Protein backbone atom coordinates (compact mmCIF):
# COMPACT_ATOMS: atom_id res chain seq x y z
CA MET A 1 304.89 96.82 61.88
CA CYS A 2 302.96 97.30 65.09
CA LYS A 3 303.93 96.03 68.48
CA LYS A 4 301.11 95.60 70.98
CA SER A 5 301.48 95.32 74.72
CA SER A 6 298.97 95.40 77.56
CA ASN A 7 299.06 99.15 77.84
CA PHE A 8 300.09 100.65 74.51
CA VAL A 9 300.66 100.27 70.81
CA VAL A 10 303.91 101.28 69.16
CA CYS A 11 304.01 101.45 65.36
CA TYR A 12 307.19 101.49 63.29
CA GLY A 13 307.37 102.71 59.72
CA VAL A 14 304.83 104.30 57.42
CA GLY A 15 302.86 103.33 54.36
CA ILE A 16 301.29 100.21 55.90
CA HIS A 17 298.84 98.63 53.45
CA VAL A 18 295.80 97.05 55.10
CA SER A 19 292.39 96.02 53.86
CA GLY A 20 289.25 97.85 54.96
CA ARG A 21 288.35 95.14 57.48
CA HIS A 22 291.88 95.02 58.92
CA PHE A 23 292.01 98.82 59.07
CA CYS A 24 288.73 98.82 60.99
CA GLN A 25 290.06 96.17 63.40
CA LEU A 26 293.30 98.11 63.88
CA LEU A 27 291.44 101.24 64.90
CA GLU A 28 289.18 99.29 67.25
CA ASP A 29 292.21 97.61 68.85
CA GLY A 30 293.80 101.01 69.30
CA LEU A 31 290.72 102.41 71.02
CA LEU A 32 290.51 99.33 73.23
CA LEU A 33 294.12 99.72 74.34
CA ILE A 34 293.67 103.44 74.93
CA ARG A 35 290.73 102.68 77.20
CA LYS A 36 292.96 100.34 79.20
CA THR A 37 295.63 102.98 79.57
CA LYS A 38 295.97 104.83 82.85
CA LYS A 39 297.89 108.03 83.10
CA ILE A 40 300.35 108.28 85.96
CA GLY A 41 298.33 108.85 89.12
CA ILE A 42 295.12 109.51 87.17
CA ASN A 43 292.45 106.91 86.62
CA MET A 44 290.60 107.56 83.34
CA LYS A 45 286.95 107.77 84.38
CA PHE A 46 285.41 108.49 81.00
CA SER A 47 284.71 105.94 78.32
CA VAL A 48 286.77 106.77 75.25
CA LYS A 49 284.64 104.55 73.04
CA SER A 50 281.40 106.35 73.89
CA ALA A 51 282.91 109.77 73.26
CA PHE A 52 285.19 108.93 70.35
CA ALA A 53 283.93 106.54 67.68
CA PRO A 54 285.08 107.63 64.18
CA LYS A 55 282.55 106.83 61.47
CA ILE A 56 285.28 105.49 59.20
CA VAL A 57 285.50 102.44 61.48
CA GLU A 58 281.82 101.70 60.95
CA THR A 59 281.80 102.37 57.21
CA MET A 60 284.85 100.21 56.47
CA ARG A 61 283.17 97.07 57.81
CA HIS A 62 281.27 96.39 54.58
CA TYR A 63 283.14 98.63 52.17
CA GLY A 64 283.13 97.50 48.54
CA ALA A 65 284.30 98.45 45.06
CA GLN A 66 281.00 100.07 44.09
CA GLN A 67 281.06 102.42 47.05
CA LEU A 68 284.72 103.19 46.40
CA THR A 69 283.83 104.29 42.86
CA GLN A 70 281.01 106.54 44.10
CA ASP A 71 283.17 108.04 46.85
CA THR A 72 286.04 108.67 44.46
CA LEU A 73 283.85 110.53 41.96
CA ALA A 74 282.20 112.54 44.72
CA GLY A 75 285.58 113.36 46.25
CA ILE A 76 286.96 114.60 42.94
CA ILE A 77 283.97 116.88 42.38
CA VAL A 78 284.07 118.23 45.95
CA GLY A 79 287.81 118.82 45.61
CA ILE A 80 287.26 120.86 42.45
CA VAL A 81 284.53 122.88 44.18
CA ALA A 82 286.76 123.46 47.21
CA ILE A 83 289.73 124.86 45.24
CA PRO A 84 288.42 128.40 44.67
CA LEU A 85 286.76 128.55 48.07
CA ALA A 86 289.90 127.54 49.95
CA ILE A 87 291.95 130.11 48.04
CA ALA A 88 289.35 132.86 48.52
CA PHE A 89 288.85 132.20 52.24
CA GLY A 90 292.59 132.16 52.84
CA ILE A 91 293.09 135.52 51.13
CA ALA A 92 290.03 137.13 52.73
CA SER A 93 291.17 136.00 56.18
CA GLY A 94 294.38 137.99 55.80
CA VAL A 95 296.81 135.12 55.14
CA GLY A 96 297.09 133.87 51.55
CA PRO A 97 296.09 131.25 48.98
CA THR A 98 298.67 128.72 50.19
CA GLU A 99 297.39 128.89 53.76
CA GLY A 100 293.80 128.43 52.56
CA LEU A 101 294.72 125.32 50.59
CA ILE A 102 296.87 123.93 53.41
CA THR A 103 293.93 124.33 55.79
CA ALA A 104 291.63 122.49 53.39
CA VAL A 105 294.15 119.66 52.98
CA ILE A 106 295.23 119.04 56.58
CA ALA A 107 292.00 119.89 58.39
CA GLY A 108 289.91 118.17 55.74
CA PHE A 109 291.95 114.99 56.18
CA PHE A 110 291.59 114.82 59.97
CA ILE A 111 287.90 115.73 59.92
CA SER A 112 287.16 112.93 57.45
CA LEU A 113 289.44 110.38 59.13
CA LEU A 114 288.37 110.99 62.74
CA GLY A 115 284.94 112.62 62.37
CA GLY A 116 281.58 111.47 63.65
CA SER A 117 279.78 112.05 60.33
CA LYS A 118 280.07 109.81 57.28
CA VAL A 119 279.89 112.63 54.76
CA GLN A 120 281.23 115.74 56.48
CA ILE A 121 283.68 117.79 54.39
CA GLY A 122 285.94 120.04 56.43
CA GLY A 123 288.06 123.06 55.62
CA PRO A 124 288.12 126.86 55.90
CA THR A 125 284.73 128.56 55.76
CA GLY A 126 283.41 132.08 55.39
CA ALA A 127 282.25 132.21 58.99
CA PHE A 128 285.85 132.46 60.22
CA ILE A 129 286.96 135.27 57.93
CA VAL A 130 285.92 138.03 60.32
CA ILE A 131 287.33 136.53 63.51
CA VAL A 132 290.60 135.41 61.85
CA TYR A 133 291.19 138.78 60.23
CA GLY A 134 290.56 140.52 63.56
CA ILE A 135 293.00 138.28 65.45
CA ILE A 136 295.73 138.84 62.86
CA GLN A 137 295.22 142.60 63.02
CA GLN A 138 295.52 142.61 66.81
CA PHE A 139 297.91 139.77 67.65
CA GLY A 140 299.59 138.82 64.38
CA LEU A 141 299.98 135.38 62.84
CA ALA A 142 301.54 133.98 66.02
CA GLY A 143 298.48 135.06 67.97
CA LEU A 144 296.22 133.40 65.41
CA MET A 145 298.22 130.19 65.71
CA ILE A 146 297.93 130.11 69.50
CA ALA A 147 294.22 130.99 69.46
CA THR A 148 293.48 128.24 66.93
CA VAL A 149 295.35 125.63 68.98
CA MET A 150 293.49 126.78 72.11
CA ALA A 151 290.20 126.47 70.25
CA GLY A 152 291.17 122.95 69.17
CA VAL A 153 291.90 121.97 72.76
CA LEU A 154 288.53 123.37 73.84
CA LEU A 155 286.77 121.37 71.13
CA VAL A 156 288.49 118.14 72.16
CA ALA A 157 287.59 118.81 75.79
CA MET A 158 283.96 119.47 74.83
CA GLY A 159 283.86 116.24 72.89
CA PHE A 160 285.22 114.10 75.73
CA ALA A 161 282.92 115.94 78.16
CA ARG A 162 280.05 114.87 75.86
CA LEU A 163 278.85 118.41 75.25
CA GLY A 164 278.03 117.72 71.61
CA SER A 165 274.29 117.73 72.24
CA VAL A 166 274.48 120.88 74.39
CA ILE A 167 275.93 122.93 71.53
CA LYS A 168 272.76 122.25 69.54
CA PHE A 169 270.81 124.39 72.00
CA VAL A 170 272.37 127.66 70.88
CA PRO A 171 269.28 129.80 70.13
CA TYR A 172 268.25 130.02 66.49
CA PRO A 173 267.97 133.87 66.46
CA VAL A 174 271.58 134.08 67.70
CA THR A 175 272.79 131.75 64.94
CA ILE A 176 270.89 133.65 62.25
CA GLY A 177 272.01 137.01 63.63
CA PHE A 178 275.74 136.40 63.69
CA THR A 179 275.65 134.52 60.37
CA ALA A 180 273.96 137.47 58.68
CA GLY A 181 276.39 139.84 60.37
CA ILE A 182 279.35 137.82 59.12
CA ALA A 183 277.88 137.87 55.62
CA LEU A 184 277.60 141.66 55.60
CA THR A 185 281.13 142.00 56.97
CA ILE A 186 282.54 139.67 54.29
CA PHE A 187 280.73 141.68 51.62
CA SER A 188 282.22 144.93 52.92
CA THR A 189 285.77 143.53 52.86
CA GLN A 190 285.57 142.69 49.13
CA MET A 191 284.84 146.17 47.80
CA ASN A 192 288.51 147.11 47.46
CA ASP A 193 289.35 144.13 45.23
CA PHE A 194 286.02 144.06 43.37
CA PHE A 195 286.26 147.69 42.27
CA GLY A 196 290.06 147.71 41.91
CA LEU A 197 290.52 150.64 44.30
CA GLY A 198 294.05 149.55 45.21
CA LEU A 199 293.69 150.81 48.78
CA THR A 200 295.96 149.95 51.70
CA ASN A 201 295.53 150.46 55.45
CA ILE A 202 291.77 150.07 55.18
CA PRO A 203 290.10 150.64 58.58
CA ALA A 204 288.88 147.49 60.31
CA ASN A 205 285.75 149.14 61.71
CA PHE A 206 282.68 148.62 59.51
CA ILE A 207 281.48 152.23 59.45
CA ASP A 208 284.96 153.71 59.06
CA LYS A 209 285.64 151.24 56.26
CA TRP A 210 282.66 152.44 54.21
CA ILE A 211 283.54 156.08 54.84
CA PHE A 212 287.05 155.29 53.56
CA TYR A 213 285.56 153.63 50.48
CA ALA A 214 283.37 156.67 49.81
CA HIS A 215 286.36 159.00 49.92
CA HIS A 216 288.09 156.93 47.20
CA ALA A 217 285.04 156.19 45.07
CA THR A 218 286.53 158.02 42.09
CA GLU A 219 289.51 155.61 41.97
CA VAL A 220 287.54 152.68 40.55
CA ASN A 221 289.46 150.62 37.97
CA LEU A 222 286.95 149.89 35.20
CA TRP A 223 288.91 146.93 33.82
CA THR A 224 289.01 145.29 37.27
CA LEU A 225 285.35 146.10 37.85
CA GLY A 226 284.49 144.56 34.48
CA ILE A 227 286.20 141.26 35.35
CA GLY A 228 284.54 141.28 38.77
CA ALA A 229 281.10 141.92 37.29
CA PHE A 230 281.67 139.24 34.65
CA SER A 231 282.59 136.72 37.36
CA LEU A 232 279.62 137.72 39.52
CA LEU A 233 277.18 137.26 36.64
CA ILE A 234 278.53 133.75 36.05
CA CYS A 235 278.08 132.93 39.75
CA ILE A 236 274.50 134.22 39.64
CA PHE A 237 273.19 132.77 36.38
CA LEU A 238 275.15 129.55 35.75
CA PRO A 239 273.35 127.64 38.57
CA LYS A 240 270.05 128.48 36.85
CA LEU A 241 271.28 126.77 33.68
CA THR A 242 273.03 123.75 35.16
CA LYS A 243 273.87 122.36 38.60
CA LYS A 244 276.60 120.06 37.32
CA ILE A 245 279.25 122.76 36.86
CA PRO A 246 280.33 124.62 40.04
CA SER A 247 279.64 128.28 39.35
CA SER A 248 282.58 129.54 41.39
CA LEU A 249 285.00 127.28 39.52
CA ALA A 250 283.54 128.29 36.16
CA ALA A 251 283.85 131.96 37.08
CA ILE A 252 287.49 131.57 38.08
CA VAL A 253 288.43 129.56 34.99
CA LEU A 254 286.74 131.93 32.53
CA ALA A 255 287.82 135.12 34.28
CA THR A 256 291.43 133.91 34.56
CA LEU A 257 291.44 132.92 30.89
CA ALA A 258 289.99 136.30 29.90
CA VAL A 259 292.60 138.23 31.90
CA TRP A 260 295.44 136.12 30.49
CA LEU A 261 294.24 136.73 26.92
CA LEU A 262 293.88 140.46 27.54
CA LYS A 263 297.33 140.79 29.09
CA THR A 264 298.92 138.63 26.36
CA PHE A 265 297.33 140.13 23.26
CA MET A 266 296.44 143.63 24.51
CA PRO A 267 299.41 144.47 26.77
CA GLU A 268 299.08 148.21 26.16
CA SER A 269 295.45 148.33 27.24
CA GLY A 270 294.22 149.00 30.74
CA ALA A 271 293.94 145.25 31.28
CA ALA A 272 297.54 145.29 32.50
CA SER A 273 296.31 146.99 35.67
CA ILE A 274 294.14 144.03 36.66
CA VAL A 275 295.67 142.61 39.84
CA THR A 276 296.08 138.83 40.14
CA ILE A 277 297.04 136.61 43.07
CA SER A 278 300.68 136.40 42.00
CA ASP A 279 300.92 140.22 42.20
CA LEU A 280 300.16 140.13 45.94
CA TYR A 281 300.96 136.70 47.35
CA GLU A 282 303.57 134.00 47.25
CA LEU A 283 302.29 131.17 45.09
CA PRO A 284 301.48 127.72 46.51
CA HIS A 285 304.45 125.37 46.34
CA GLY A 286 303.63 122.48 48.66
CA ILE A 287 303.03 121.89 52.34
CA PRO A 288 305.61 123.72 54.50
CA ALA A 289 307.43 122.07 57.37
CA PRO A 290 305.71 122.45 60.75
CA ARG A 291 306.89 125.38 62.81
CA LEU A 292 306.33 126.96 66.20
CA PRO A 293 304.91 130.49 66.56
CA GLU A 294 307.43 133.34 66.56
CA LEU A 295 306.27 135.39 69.51
CA THR A 296 307.21 139.00 70.09
CA LEU A 297 306.19 139.89 73.64
CA SER A 298 306.29 143.34 75.17
CA GLU A 299 308.39 144.03 78.25
CA ASN A 300 305.65 143.26 80.79
CA GLU A 301 303.92 140.56 78.76
CA THR A 302 304.33 136.82 79.19
CA ILE A 303 302.97 133.87 77.24
CA PHE A 304 300.35 133.41 79.97
CA THR A 305 299.06 136.99 79.68
CA LEU A 306 298.91 136.54 75.90
CA ILE A 307 296.87 133.35 76.35
CA GLN A 308 294.50 135.25 78.65
CA LYS A 309 294.04 137.94 76.00
CA LEU A 310 293.48 135.33 73.28
CA PHE A 311 291.05 133.18 75.24
CA PRO A 312 287.86 135.09 74.22
CA SER A 313 288.85 134.76 70.56
CA ALA A 314 289.73 131.07 71.00
CA PHE A 315 286.40 130.48 72.70
CA THR A 316 284.58 132.18 69.84
CA ILE A 317 286.44 130.02 67.29
CA ALA A 318 285.57 126.87 69.25
CA ILE A 319 281.88 127.75 69.61
CA LEU A 320 281.60 128.82 65.98
CA CYS A 321 283.34 125.65 64.83
CA ALA A 322 281.08 123.48 66.99
CA ILE A 323 277.89 125.18 65.83
CA GLU A 324 278.76 125.13 62.13
CA SER A 325 280.11 121.56 62.05
CA LEU A 326 277.24 120.06 64.04
CA LEU A 327 274.68 122.01 62.03
CA SER A 328 276.25 120.66 58.84
CA ALA A 329 276.24 117.12 60.24
CA MET A 330 272.57 117.43 61.24
CA VAL A 331 271.59 118.63 57.76
CA ALA A 332 273.55 115.74 56.24
CA ASP A 333 271.81 113.24 58.54
CA GLY A 334 268.44 114.36 57.26
CA VAL A 335 269.49 113.75 53.66
CA ILE A 336 271.24 110.38 53.95
CA GLY A 337 269.13 108.99 56.82
CA ASP A 338 272.07 108.54 59.19
CA LYS A 339 272.88 109.76 62.71
CA HIS A 340 276.21 111.40 63.39
CA ASN A 341 278.16 111.19 66.65
CA SER A 342 278.34 114.80 67.80
CA ASN A 343 281.01 114.21 70.45
CA THR A 344 283.29 112.40 68.01
CA GLU A 345 282.75 115.20 65.52
CA LEU A 346 283.85 117.80 68.07
CA ILE A 347 286.97 115.78 68.87
CA ALA A 348 287.85 115.50 65.18
CA GLN A 349 287.33 119.22 64.67
CA GLY A 350 289.52 119.86 67.70
CA VAL A 351 292.35 117.64 66.45
CA ALA A 352 292.22 119.33 63.04
CA ASN A 353 292.45 122.79 64.59
CA ILE A 354 295.30 121.74 66.88
CA VAL A 355 297.39 120.39 63.99
CA VAL A 356 296.70 122.82 61.14
CA PRO A 357 298.18 126.02 62.72
CA PHE A 358 301.65 124.44 62.88
CA PHE A 359 301.61 124.33 59.08
CA GLY A 360 300.43 127.92 58.73
CA GLY A 361 296.73 127.12 58.35
CA ILE A 362 293.69 128.88 59.75
CA PRO A 363 290.68 127.62 61.73
CA ALA A 364 288.55 125.03 59.97
CA THR A 365 285.19 123.36 60.45
CA GLY A 366 282.58 121.34 58.61
CA ALA A 367 281.30 123.14 55.51
CA ILE A 368 277.61 122.73 54.72
CA ALA A 369 277.87 123.59 51.00
CA ARG A 370 280.77 121.20 50.34
CA THR A 371 279.14 118.49 52.46
CA MET A 372 275.93 118.74 50.44
CA THR A 373 277.96 118.65 47.21
CA ASN A 374 279.53 115.45 48.46
CA ILE A 375 276.13 113.89 49.22
CA ASN A 376 274.54 114.98 45.96
CA ASN A 377 277.36 113.32 43.99
CA GLY A 378 277.14 109.96 45.73
CA GLY A 379 279.59 110.31 48.62
CA ARG A 380 278.50 108.16 51.56
CA THR A 381 281.67 107.46 53.54
CA PRO A 382 284.68 109.44 54.83
CA ILE A 383 286.70 108.08 51.90
CA ALA A 384 285.07 110.75 49.71
CA GLY A 385 286.43 113.43 52.03
CA ILE A 386 289.90 111.91 51.87
CA VAL A 387 289.78 111.85 48.04
CA HIS A 388 288.79 115.53 48.07
CA VAL A 389 291.92 116.18 50.16
CA VAL A 390 294.06 114.40 47.56
CA ILE A 391 292.70 116.66 44.81
CA LEU A 392 293.52 119.77 46.84
CA LEU A 393 296.98 118.42 47.61
CA LEU A 394 297.67 117.98 43.89
CA VAL A 395 296.69 121.62 43.30
CA LEU A 396 298.94 122.69 46.16
CA LEU A 397 301.90 120.74 44.80
CA PHE A 398 301.66 121.19 41.04
CA MET A 399 299.31 124.05 40.09
CA GLY A 400 300.74 127.03 41.96
CA GLY A 401 301.51 128.87 38.72
CA LEU A 402 297.94 128.62 37.50
CA VAL A 403 296.59 129.75 40.87
CA GLY A 404 298.70 132.88 40.59
CA LEU A 405 296.88 133.93 37.39
CA ILE A 406 293.49 134.24 39.14
CA PRO A 407 292.35 137.88 39.24
CA MET A 408 291.58 139.28 42.69
CA SER A 409 288.32 140.84 41.50
CA CYS A 410 287.12 137.37 40.47
CA LEU A 411 287.80 136.02 43.98
CA ALA A 412 285.97 139.04 45.37
CA ALA A 413 282.96 138.14 43.21
CA VAL A 414 283.05 134.56 44.52
CA LEU A 415 283.11 135.81 48.11
CA ILE A 416 280.28 138.27 47.42
CA MET A 417 278.17 135.27 46.37
CA VAL A 418 279.29 133.40 49.49
CA ALA A 419 278.18 136.39 51.57
CA TYR A 420 274.82 136.53 49.78
CA ASN A 421 274.20 132.85 50.39
CA MET A 422 275.23 133.20 54.03
CA SER A 423 273.00 136.20 54.66
CA GLY A 424 269.81 134.17 54.81
CA TRP A 425 267.71 137.24 54.13
CA ARG A 426 264.64 135.10 53.43
CA THR A 427 265.02 133.48 56.84
CA ILE A 428 265.38 136.89 58.46
CA ALA A 429 262.23 138.10 56.70
CA GLY A 430 260.40 135.07 58.05
CA MET A 431 261.80 135.70 61.54
CA LEU A 432 260.09 139.08 61.60
CA LYS A 433 256.83 137.19 62.11
CA HIS A 434 258.22 135.49 65.22
CA PRO A 435 257.82 136.88 68.77
CA THR A 436 259.25 140.38 69.16
CA ARG A 437 261.77 139.26 71.76
CA ASP A 438 263.33 136.78 69.33
CA VAL A 439 263.58 139.49 66.69
CA TRP A 440 265.38 141.73 69.18
CA VAL A 441 267.91 138.97 69.95
CA LEU A 442 268.52 138.50 66.22
CA ALA A 443 268.89 142.26 65.62
CA ILE A 444 271.24 142.80 68.57
CA THR A 445 273.45 139.87 67.55
CA PHE A 446 273.52 141.10 63.95
CA PHE A 447 274.48 144.69 64.75
CA LEU A 448 277.06 143.71 67.36
CA THR A 449 278.70 141.40 64.81
CA VAL A 450 278.86 144.18 62.24
CA ILE A 451 279.71 147.15 64.46
CA PHE A 452 281.94 145.44 67.04
CA ASP A 453 283.09 141.87 66.54
CA LEU A 454 281.89 138.29 66.55
CA THR A 455 283.13 137.54 70.06
CA VAL A 456 281.00 140.28 71.60
CA ALA A 457 278.03 139.37 69.39
CA ILE A 458 277.97 135.69 70.36
CA GLU A 459 278.45 136.41 74.07
CA VAL A 460 275.78 139.11 74.23
CA GLY A 461 273.44 137.21 71.90
CA ILE A 462 273.53 134.03 73.96
CA LEU A 463 273.20 136.04 77.17
CA GLY A 464 270.20 137.90 75.76
CA ALA A 465 268.56 134.67 74.61
CA LEU A 466 269.18 133.15 78.05
CA VAL A 467 267.57 136.12 79.78
CA LEU A 468 264.54 135.87 77.48
CA PHE A 469 264.29 132.13 78.16
CA LEU A 470 264.33 132.74 81.91
CA MET A 471 261.70 135.45 81.56
CA ARG A 472 259.46 133.13 79.55
CA THR A 473 259.98 130.30 82.00
CA SER A 474 259.16 132.61 84.90
CA GLU A 475 256.02 133.79 83.14
CA ALA A 476 255.03 130.19 82.45
CA THR A 477 255.26 129.32 86.16
CA GLN A 478 251.98 130.28 87.83
CA ILE A 479 251.28 130.96 91.49
CA ARG A 480 247.70 130.29 92.51
CA THR A 481 245.96 130.97 95.82
CA PHE A 482 243.04 128.89 97.14
CA ASN A 483 240.56 130.09 99.77
CA GLY A 484 237.46 128.37 101.07
CA GLU A 485 237.55 125.13 99.09
CA ILE A 486 239.34 123.06 96.46
CA ASP A 487 237.62 120.99 93.79
CA PRO A 488 239.43 117.61 93.99
CA ASN A 489 238.11 116.48 90.61
CA GLU A 490 239.66 119.42 88.82
CA ASP A 491 243.41 119.01 88.32
CA SER A 492 243.98 117.27 91.66
CA ASP A 493 247.08 115.39 92.79
CA VAL A 494 244.94 112.50 94.08
CA SER A 495 242.03 110.61 92.59
CA LEU A 496 238.93 111.42 94.64
CA ASN A 497 235.19 111.38 94.15
CA LEU A 498 234.39 114.18 96.58
CA GLU A 499 232.53 117.32 95.64
CA HIS A 500 234.99 119.63 97.37
CA LEU A 501 237.80 119.90 99.91
CA THR A 502 237.16 122.49 102.60
CA ILE A 503 239.99 124.79 103.60
CA PRO A 504 239.65 125.56 107.30
CA GLU A 505 239.57 129.16 108.51
CA GLY A 506 243.07 130.37 109.30
CA VAL A 507 244.58 128.29 106.48
CA GLU A 508 245.63 129.50 103.06
CA VAL A 509 246.72 127.24 100.20
CA TYR A 510 249.25 128.30 97.55
CA GLU A 511 250.22 126.33 94.46
CA ILE A 512 253.41 126.69 92.42
CA ASP A 513 252.73 125.44 88.89
CA GLY A 514 256.07 125.12 87.11
CA PRO A 515 259.80 125.23 87.88
CA TYR A 516 260.66 126.81 91.24
CA PHE A 517 263.92 128.62 90.52
CA PHE A 518 265.48 132.04 91.01
CA GLY A 519 263.32 133.53 88.30
CA ILE A 520 260.14 132.76 90.24
CA ALA A 521 261.41 132.62 93.85
CA ASN A 522 261.28 136.38 94.44
CA ARG A 523 257.80 136.64 92.92
CA PHE A 524 256.55 133.90 95.23
CA ASP A 525 258.15 135.63 98.23
CA ASP A 526 256.33 138.85 97.36
CA GLU A 527 253.06 136.94 97.20
CA MET A 528 253.67 135.37 100.61
CA ASN A 529 254.78 138.64 102.20
CA ARG A 530 251.63 140.38 101.00
CA VAL A 531 249.59 138.66 103.72
CA ALA A 532 252.33 138.00 106.27
CA GLY A 533 250.97 136.88 109.67
CA ALA A 534 247.35 136.75 108.49
CA TYR A 535 247.14 132.93 108.62
CA LYS A 536 248.16 130.34 111.19
CA VAL A 537 248.90 127.68 108.56
CA ARG A 538 250.12 128.03 105.01
CA ILE A 539 250.07 125.08 102.64
CA ILE A 540 252.38 125.22 99.62
CA ARG A 541 251.37 122.72 96.92
CA MET A 542 254.45 121.61 94.93
CA ARG A 543 252.97 118.70 92.95
CA LYS A 544 253.69 120.53 89.66
CA VAL A 545 257.21 121.64 90.55
CA PRO A 546 259.65 119.60 88.39
CA PHE A 547 262.79 121.03 90.01
CA VAL A 548 264.07 123.61 92.48
CA ASP A 549 267.37 125.48 92.47
CA SER A 550 269.56 126.81 95.25
CA THR A 551 267.93 130.26 95.21
CA ALA A 552 264.47 128.78 95.65
CA MET A 553 265.64 126.53 98.49
CA HIS A 554 267.37 129.47 100.16
CA ASN A 555 264.24 131.62 99.91
CA LEU A 556 262.10 128.74 101.16
CA SER A 557 264.36 128.33 104.20
CA ILE A 558 264.05 132.04 104.99
CA LEU A 559 260.27 131.85 104.53
CA ILE A 560 260.00 128.93 106.98
CA GLU A 561 262.14 130.67 109.59
CA ARG A 562 260.26 133.95 109.25
CA SER A 563 256.92 132.16 109.45
CA HIS A 564 257.99 130.48 112.70
CA GLU A 565 258.74 133.91 114.16
CA GLU A 566 255.30 135.11 113.07
CA GLY A 567 253.58 132.07 114.56
CA THR A 568 252.72 130.58 111.16
CA THR A 569 253.39 126.95 110.18
CA ILE A 570 254.41 126.03 106.65
CA ILE A 571 253.18 122.72 105.17
CA LEU A 572 254.50 121.35 101.89
CA SER A 573 252.10 119.25 99.81
CA GLY A 574 252.65 116.83 96.92
CA VAL A 575 256.45 117.22 96.80
CA ARG A 576 257.95 114.99 94.11
CA GLU A 577 260.50 112.44 95.27
CA HIS A 578 263.56 113.98 93.63
CA VAL A 579 262.55 117.48 94.75
CA ARG A 580 262.04 116.20 98.30
CA HIS A 581 265.50 114.64 98.16
CA GLN A 582 266.98 118.02 97.22
CA LEU A 583 265.14 119.75 100.06
CA MET A 584 266.36 117.15 102.55
CA LYS A 585 269.97 117.62 101.39
CA GLN A 586 269.60 121.32 102.25
CA GLY A 587 268.15 120.50 105.70
CA ILE A 588 264.74 122.00 104.99
CA ASP A 589 263.02 118.90 106.43
CA LYS A 590 264.59 119.74 109.80
CA LEU A 591 263.39 123.33 109.62
CA ILE A 592 259.84 122.44 108.68
CA ASN A 593 259.46 119.12 110.55
CA THR A 594 258.95 116.00 108.42
CA ASP A 595 255.33 115.74 109.61
CA ASN A 596 254.68 118.94 107.66
CA ILE A 597 255.79 117.44 104.34
CA CYS A 598 252.68 115.64 103.06
CA GLU A 599 252.13 113.41 100.04
CA ASN A 600 248.93 115.14 98.86
CA ILE A 601 246.55 117.97 99.61
CA ASN A 602 244.18 115.75 101.61
CA LEU A 603 246.88 114.86 104.13
CA ALA A 604 248.06 118.46 104.16
CA LEU A 605 244.59 119.71 105.11
CA GLU A 606 244.32 117.03 107.80
CA ARG A 607 247.67 118.15 109.18
CA ALA A 608 246.48 121.77 109.12
CA ASN A 609 243.41 120.83 111.18
CA VAL A 610 245.64 119.13 113.76
CA LEU A 611 247.80 122.24 114.05
CA LEU A 612 244.78 124.54 114.33
CA ASN A 613 243.31 122.45 117.16
CA ALA A 614 246.61 122.02 119.01
């Protein structure tokens, strides 16, 4: 039962059975009461409803039996598709099959229940393999747990701060670059299992890893390689024959069956050397009880210093999760004709990543491939995602023994196909026709991801793209100089029928065409300094300036003061209202005299004549 008061809702018991309409109303009541809640001494300024509006509330309003049937079938199919991927991603990330399945179950449930997309399917994805493996190598499983929780908190904060739309502005070359880099890194990590090299202590560095592989190239296990190649061929050619059977699932079923038959009926053959999941990992046996991280701190290290060290990795997880989930939601919108709530989606992703580490899981996000599988099989509401979670939970509870029979080389083949599909080599080939600067951003992001790590790649890639954007914006802003006369009928800020406007002797007119910010401020100063003291009046036309920043206002203040010392008067012409308001806040109107801020060039020239004759 639920007890409702003016400030909170307290629920007792579990397993409450409510209809779709009542469930919808219950959630809405909960949100309403949360909005009324005030924390002690803190007045909640944001609107919870605008930032957090789960799609399940909307879809349950008119939910019927027909849609339930479609969602159930779609959820079953997506769950089947997700089984091998969850297992493979868990193992490749450096944890295990159980952790991969747990992540798919818990994170998938919260993403579907609380998400801002009707059809988003959440769980572990290939994009996190590199970053997760690196965190485990450096900080251990406890460090991964803390970093994932931190990332979840960042995602929730971004959602409530309504930054969902801002994330979409991550430059395309950066996204393509780090995705391709991740794909190559995933491919390189699968060589040991695919070829059956049986190596341990493999270097983490990309170049050192391949040198290490080369030194042990003669240790290839042909039986393991045969199973891997067999699985890879199924993944490549089955989709060309039929789209109804998931190629990764078919590869795992057939390869596992083949290995079992070989080991059962040919025990003395080399097939006995084929390594399976049960040879390396503890088999799935249900969802473990939640636990806190077991930290081992050095003598001079505290939890706060550890958090500081983990923050770059947590930030990378959060940004990667936001980009991948919102990109998946956008793609889904285009297919089903819906519009997702990006802020709600970020909050749901954050909650999932806060909860899942306490059960041993790894970072999770929306998965494009599984989301599209859901759509293509009729899924149209979050119920499909919840059904997919039920399927995975059944595997986790009752099929651990079968999971243990899967050969590692088969999982390696599945991940090699994942890496190939992630690489986007056709997109990269098309990008080579784009502007050279964009290609450089892509290339730098790609190589930093491969040679160093994803954190460095994203930071440098976004920084490089930002610098290029500022350069392009600066180049787009033009500075023009007028002498003698101005044609009022050609791009004028007033409507006139005059043949020309005469610029008096001793007056020079400048025009800034575009944003006036730090990227252009120094260039404009150089232009003004070139003829310092040569004119008694300088008119600066700002009719095409959409905004100014603090650097531009600072430089303008210095220009006005220096001009006064030189005996030159500055007149501003055509200043837009919001720009003028900014200038007044900085006190520039007092420096320049309000009479010298004119609405248009005509008034500015009249004012110049008055000053010349004074």
